[in-house]
Protein backbone atom coordinates (compact mmCIF):
# COMPACT_ATOMS: atom_id res chain seq x y z
CA MET A 1 -38.19 -30.50 -27.42
CA ARG A 2 -36.78 -32.45 -24.49
CA ASN A 3 -33.19 -31.58 -25.45
CA ALA A 4 -34.12 -27.91 -25.78
CA LEU A 5 -35.68 -27.94 -22.31
CA GLN A 6 -32.61 -29.60 -20.85
CA ARG A 7 -30.36 -27.00 -22.46
CA THR A 8 -32.53 -24.20 -21.07
CA LEU A 9 -32.43 -25.65 -17.57
CA LEU A 10 -28.68 -26.12 -17.82
CA LEU A 11 -28.21 -22.49 -18.85
CA LEU A 12 -30.37 -21.33 -15.96
CA LEU A 13 -28.37 -23.47 -13.57
CA CYS A 14 -25.10 -22.04 -14.86
CA ALA A 15 -26.45 -18.51 -14.50
CA CYS A 16 -27.48 -19.21 -10.90
CA VAL A 17 -24.02 -20.59 -10.14
CA VAL A 18 -22.36 -17.48 -11.60
CA ILE A 19 -24.61 -15.15 -9.61
CA TRP A 20 -24.02 -17.12 -6.41
CA ALA A 21 -20.26 -17.07 -6.99
CA GLN A 22 -20.30 -13.31 -7.50
CA ASN A 23 -22.32 -12.66 -4.38
CA ALA A 24 -21.11 -15.45 -2.12
CA PRO A 25 -20.00 -14.20 1.30
CA ALA A 26 -16.27 -13.59 1.55
CA LYS A 27 -14.22 -15.77 3.85
CA GLU A 28 -14.18 -14.33 7.35
CA ALA A 29 -10.86 -12.79 8.34
CA GLN A 30 -9.11 -14.08 11.45
CA THR A 31 -6.67 -11.17 11.88
CA ILE A 32 -6.70 -7.43 11.19
CA ASP A 33 -3.98 -7.84 8.57
CA GLU A 34 -6.02 -10.50 6.81
CA LEU A 35 -9.09 -8.27 6.93
CA VAL A 36 -7.17 -5.30 5.51
CA ALA A 37 -5.78 -7.48 2.73
CA MET A 38 -9.31 -8.50 1.73
CA PHE A 39 -10.13 -4.84 1.03
CA ASP A 40 -6.70 -3.51 0.14
CA ASP A 41 -7.18 -0.06 -1.36
CA SER A 42 -3.50 0.83 -1.75
CA LYS A 43 -3.70 -0.40 -5.34
CA CYS A 44 -6.27 2.32 -6.04
CA ALA A 45 -3.46 4.88 -5.85
CA GLN A 46 -1.83 3.36 -8.93
CA CYS A 47 -4.49 4.86 -11.21
CA HIS A 48 -6.20 7.38 -8.94
CA GLU A 49 -3.18 8.97 -7.28
CA GLU A 50 -4.70 12.43 -6.69
CA ILE A 51 -7.98 11.09 -5.32
CA TYR A 52 -6.15 8.64 -3.09
CA ALA A 53 -3.96 11.43 -1.70
CA GLN A 54 -7.07 13.50 -0.98
CA TRP A 55 -8.65 10.59 0.86
CA GLN A 56 -5.52 10.01 2.95
CA SER A 57 -5.81 13.56 4.32
CA SER A 58 -9.50 13.10 5.15
CA TRP A 59 -11.13 12.10 8.42
CA HIS A 60 -12.51 9.03 6.67
CA ALA A 61 -8.94 7.72 6.68
CA GLN A 62 -8.92 8.09 10.48
CA ALA A 63 -12.46 6.94 11.14
CA VAL A 64 -11.50 4.52 13.93
CA VAL A 65 -8.57 6.14 15.74
CA SER A 66 -10.28 9.56 15.71
CA SER A 67 -13.35 8.14 17.49
CA LEU A 68 -11.83 5.93 20.16
CA LYS A 69 -13.46 7.74 23.08
CA GLY A 70 -17.02 7.28 21.85
CA MET A 71 -16.50 3.66 20.85
CA ARG A 72 -14.72 2.84 24.10
CA ASN A 73 -17.65 4.32 26.03
CA PHE A 74 -20.07 2.20 24.03
CA ILE A 75 -18.10 -0.97 24.78
CA ALA A 76 -16.88 -0.36 28.35
CA ILE A 77 -19.88 1.56 29.68
CA GLY A 78 -22.85 0.94 27.41
CA LEU A 79 -22.40 -2.79 26.87
CA ALA A 80 -20.50 -3.82 30.00
CA LYS A 81 -22.14 -1.69 32.69
CA GLU A 82 -25.54 -0.53 31.46
CA TRP A 83 -26.71 -3.49 29.37
CA LYS A 84 -24.61 -6.21 31.03
CA THR A 85 -23.77 -7.51 27.56
CA LYS A 86 -20.50 -9.02 26.38
CA PRO A 87 -18.83 -7.58 23.27
CA SER A 88 -19.75 -9.40 20.07
CA LYS A 89 -19.49 -8.82 16.36
CA ALA A 90 -23.16 -7.84 16.16
CA GLN A 91 -22.70 -5.27 18.92
CA LEU A 92 -19.38 -3.95 17.61
CA LEU A 93 -20.87 -3.38 14.17
CA LYS A 94 -23.17 -0.81 15.74
CA CYS A 95 -20.04 1.34 15.64
CA LEU A 96 -17.82 -0.22 13.03
CA ASP A 97 -20.37 -0.88 10.30
CA CYS A 98 -19.82 2.82 9.66
CA HIS A 99 -16.36 3.52 11.09
CA ALA A 100 -14.78 0.42 9.48
CA PRO A 101 -17.26 -1.42 7.21
CA ALA A 102 -14.74 -4.16 6.42
CA VAL A 103 -15.40 -5.56 9.91
CA ASN A 104 -18.57 -7.07 8.43
CA TYR A 105 -16.18 -9.68 7.01
CA ALA A 106 -14.31 -10.32 10.27
CA SER A 107 -14.76 -13.48 12.30
CA GLU A 108 -16.55 -13.32 15.63
CA LYS A 109 -13.24 -13.88 17.42
CA LEU A 110 -11.54 -11.03 15.54
CA ALA A 111 -14.43 -8.65 16.20
CA VAL A 112 -14.15 -9.27 19.94
CA GLU A 113 -10.37 -8.72 19.75
CA ILE A 114 -10.96 -5.40 17.98
CA SER A 115 -13.34 -4.29 20.72
CA GLN A 116 -10.65 -5.07 23.30
CA LEU A 117 -8.08 -3.11 21.29
CA ILE A 118 -10.38 -0.09 21.26
CA VAL A 119 -10.69 -0.11 25.05
CA THR A 120 -6.93 -0.60 25.49
CA ALA A 121 -6.02 2.09 22.97
CA PHE A 122 -8.13 4.66 24.79
CA GLU A 123 -7.65 3.72 28.43
CA LYS A 124 -3.90 3.04 28.13
CA LYS A 125 -3.06 5.47 25.33
CA ASP A 126 0.33 6.48 26.79
CA SER A 127 1.50 2.94 27.55
CA PRO A 128 3.27 0.59 25.13
CA ALA A 129 0.15 -1.62 25.06
CA GLY A 130 -2.06 1.34 24.25
CA LYS A 131 0.20 2.59 21.47
CA LYS A 132 0.42 -0.89 19.99
CA ALA A 133 -3.36 -1.21 20.04
CA ARG A 134 -3.75 2.17 18.33
CA THR A 135 -1.28 1.15 15.62
CA GLN A 136 -3.33 -1.94 14.88
CA LEU A 137 -6.62 -0.03 14.88
CA ALA A 138 -5.20 2.61 12.52
CA LYS A 139 -5.31 -0.05 9.81
CA LEU A 140 -9.12 0.03 10.02
CA LYS A 141 -10.93 2.95 8.44
CA VAL A 142 -13.48 4.08 5.88
CA GLY A 143 -11.39 3.15 2.86
CA CYS A 144 -12.00 3.30 -0.88
CA LEU A 145 -13.81 -0.04 -0.95
CA SER A 146 -15.90 0.85 2.10
CA CYS A 147 -17.93 3.22 -0.06
CA HIS A 148 -17.21 1.95 -3.55
CA ASN A 149 -18.08 -1.66 -2.75
CA ILE A 150 -19.21 -2.68 0.75
CA LYS A 151 -21.74 0.16 1.23
CA ALA A 152 -22.39 0.86 -2.45
CA THR A 153 -25.65 -1.09 -2.77
CA ALA A 154 -26.87 -0.83 0.82
CA VAL A 155 -29.30 2.04 0.20
CA THR A 156 -31.35 -0.10 -2.20
CA ARG A 157 -30.16 -3.60 -1.34
CA GLY A 158 -33.51 -5.08 -2.37
CA LEU A 159 -33.04 -3.72 -5.89
CA HIS A 160 -29.29 -4.12 -6.40
CA GLY A 161 -28.52 -7.04 -4.11
CA PRO A 162 -25.23 -7.41 -2.23
CA PRO A 163 -22.10 -5.85 -3.80
CA ILE A 164 -20.31 -7.97 -6.37
CA LYS A 165 -16.91 -9.06 -5.16
CA GLY A 166 -14.11 -7.14 -6.85
CA ALA A 167 -16.40 -4.63 -8.54
CA ILE A 168 -16.04 -0.89 -8.10
CA TYR A 169 -19.27 1.11 -7.84
CA GLY A 170 -19.50 4.80 -8.66
CA PRO A 171 -21.81 7.50 -10.04
CA GLU A 172 -20.60 6.59 -13.53
CA GLY A 173 -19.50 3.36 -15.17
CA VAL A 174 -20.83 0.20 -16.75
CA LEU A 175 -20.50 -3.48 -15.95
CA ALA A 176 -17.49 -4.09 -18.14
CA GLU A 177 -13.79 -4.67 -17.71
CA ASP A 178 -12.16 -1.25 -17.89
CA ASP A 179 -8.61 0.04 -18.07
CA ASP A 180 -8.28 -0.05 -14.27
CA GLY A 181 -8.56 -3.81 -14.24
CA HIS A 182 -11.86 -4.00 -12.41
CA ASP A 183 -15.56 -4.03 -13.15
CA SER A 184 -17.07 -0.54 -12.92
CA ILE A 185 -20.76 -0.41 -12.08
CA GLU A 186 -22.87 2.72 -12.27
CA THR A 187 -24.68 3.39 -8.99
CA VAL A 188 -26.63 6.63 -8.95
CA ASP A 189 -27.24 6.23 -5.20
CA MET A 190 -23.66 7.31 -4.55
CA SER A 191 -24.45 10.81 -5.79
CA ARG A 192 -27.42 11.21 -3.45
CA SER A 193 -27.61 12.28 0.18
CA ALA A 194 -29.25 8.98 1.13
CA PHE A 195 -25.90 7.30 0.57
CA CYS A 196 -24.14 9.49 3.15
CA MET A 197 -27.07 9.20 5.53
CA GLN A 198 -26.34 5.50 6.02
CA CYS A 199 -23.74 6.60 8.55
CA HIS A 200 -24.14 10.35 9.02
CA GLY A 201 -27.56 10.03 10.58
CA ARG A 202 -29.67 7.46 12.38
CA TYR A 203 -28.28 3.95 12.04
CA LYS A 204 -30.65 0.99 12.21
CA ALA A 205 -28.83 -2.08 13.50
CA PRO A 206 -29.87 -5.59 12.36
CA ASP A 207 -31.30 -6.31 15.83
CA GLY A 208 -33.65 -3.34 15.48
CA GLU A 209 -31.78 -0.94 17.75
CA THR A 210 -31.50 2.64 16.51
CA ILE A 211 -28.10 4.26 16.96
CA GLN A 212 -28.19 8.05 16.86
CA CYS A 213 -24.63 9.37 17.03
CA ASN A 214 -25.73 12.55 15.26
CA THR A 215 -28.85 14.10 13.78
CA LEU A 216 -27.56 15.34 10.45
CA SER A 217 -30.04 13.45 8.33
CA GLY A 218 -32.98 14.57 10.45
CA SER A 219 -32.12 18.28 10.38
CA TYR A 220 -31.20 18.07 6.69
CA GLN A 221 -34.54 16.52 5.74
CA ASN A 222 -36.77 18.35 8.20
CA THR A 223 -35.38 21.89 8.08
CA TYR A 224 -33.63 22.07 4.71
CA ILE A 225 -35.22 19.77 2.14
CA SER A 226 -38.70 20.34 3.56
CA GLN A 227 -38.25 24.09 3.04
CA GLY A 228 -37.17 23.81 -0.57
CA GLY A 229 -33.45 23.07 -0.27
CA SER A 230 -32.05 21.06 -3.15
CA ARG A 231 -28.32 20.60 -2.57
CA SER A 232 -27.00 17.17 -1.63
CA CYS A 233 -24.32 16.27 0.91
CA GLN A 234 -21.94 15.68 -1.99
CA ASP A 235 -22.53 19.14 -3.45
CA CYS A 236 -20.82 20.74 -0.45
CA HIS A 237 -18.63 18.03 1.03
CA MET A 238 -17.15 16.70 -2.21
CA LYS A 239 -16.78 19.89 -4.21
CA ASN A 240 -13.04 19.70 -3.57
CA GLY A 241 -12.76 15.98 -4.14
CA HIS A 242 -12.31 13.22 -1.60
CA THR A 243 -11.07 15.33 1.31
CA PHE A 244 -14.68 15.52 2.58
CA PRO A 245 -14.17 18.84 4.42
CA GLY A 246 -16.44 19.51 7.36
CA GLY A 247 -16.30 21.09 10.79
CA HIS A 248 -12.57 20.43 11.09
CA ASP A 249 -11.86 22.62 8.06
CA LEU A 250 -11.80 26.37 8.81
CA ASP A 251 -12.66 27.44 5.25
CA THR A 252 -15.70 25.15 5.26
CA VAL A 253 -16.84 26.54 8.61
CA LYS A 254 -16.48 30.11 7.31
CA GLU A 255 -18.56 29.22 4.29
CA GLY A 256 -21.21 27.47 6.35
CA LEU A 257 -21.56 30.17 9.01
CA SER A 258 -21.71 33.91 8.44
CA PHE A 259 -20.74 36.11 11.39
CA ASP A 260 -21.75 39.76 11.64
CA VAL A 261 -20.82 42.00 14.56
CA GLU A 262 -22.04 45.49 15.33
CA VAL A 263 -20.32 47.50 18.06
CA THR A 264 -21.97 50.63 19.46
CA PRO A 265 -19.95 52.68 21.98
CA TYR A 266 -21.71 54.90 24.50
CA GLN A 267 -21.30 56.36 27.98
CA HIS A 268 -23.37 55.94 31.11
CA LEU A 269 -24.57 58.92 33.06
CA PRO A 270 -22.02 60.23 35.54
CA GLY A 271 -21.62 57.94 38.46
CA LYS A 272 -19.19 56.81 41.09
CA ILE A 273 -16.16 54.96 39.76
CA LYS A 274 -13.98 53.13 42.22
CA GLY A 275 -10.71 54.97 42.73
CA VAL A 276 -11.90 58.13 41.02
CA LYS A 277 -12.56 61.19 43.17
CA ASP A 278 -14.70 63.01 40.62
CA ASN A 279 -18.15 61.46 40.88
CA LYS A 280 -19.17 63.18 37.66
CA ALA A 281 -16.88 60.99 35.53
CA TRP A 282 -18.58 59.28 32.58
CA VAL A 283 -18.53 55.49 32.48
CA PRO A 284 -17.42 54.26 29.02
CA SER A 285 -19.54 51.32 27.81
CA VAL A 286 -20.28 49.41 24.65
CA VAL A 287 -23.12 47.37 23.16
CA VAL A 288 -22.06 44.39 21.04
CA THR A 289 -24.62 42.78 18.74
CA ALA A 290 -23.49 39.51 17.15
CA LYS A 291 -25.44 37.62 14.50
CA ILE A 292 -24.50 34.11 13.37
CA THR A 293 -26.33 32.70 10.35
CA ASN A 294 -26.33 29.01 9.50
CA ASN A 295 -25.87 28.68 5.74
CA THR A 296 -25.53 24.90 5.75
CA GLY A 297 -28.23 22.38 5.03
CA HIS A 298 -28.22 20.97 8.56
CA ARG A 299 -27.80 21.97 12.17
CA VAL A 300 -24.42 23.08 13.44
CA PRO A 301 -22.53 21.67 15.22
CA ASP A 302 -23.15 18.06 14.34
CA GLY A 303 -21.26 15.15 12.79
């Protein structure tokens, strides 16, 4: 009996060690290149070439450099002038937890350096220093592993725990070694709007502050779902794969907004027209009635 108990305790201990090893925090990166290497998604293209090419043309692949103005304002005006607060990793993540989730694994020193690069890249964009800073920041983005690992379990972290290092999460898959050389874990959350709302909506920072860069989730829930709408973010924004078309895509805008125009010509009663001697001349006029209908599941414009 004693030996059996010892074996049971030993097995439990081994299981705990394995779980800890899988979920142990990654080593904090000291440079951007080291951080990028920790979540290198270039190897994804080896097996998922078409999807990877779609992602490269998306705004997710430019999530940092396309938003420099807003992030610079947060750092140089919000933190420095309004709140009298120095840049820190905790503060920077109020932007980059969404725009570059890998920064969660950056050191405090690197996070502060990134905040300085953001200010330089925007304020000195035409100078050599500004261009160099932008080149460095372009390495940070919403990459494959941002969604398929770092953020994959965040919607229900209490149920799923932190993401397992090296595993790839998706709407389909099982915890088993597959042909791609990685563990594939089924995560139904990734097919639901709540997954997208982590960033495309109100963001709750660890210190309790609410960041509201847009109101997509609010308008989607309050004026679409509440009135019987059933389509998810993915139904519209991933119907063509990983390009994630939105307001920057003309075809998507045309589909989301219908535009009807009615033009009715008429003439005013005779009156005086400048430069015309005949006061009985008719004044040509027109009535234009324009109707724009929002066919999306959220307010427009938004982001």
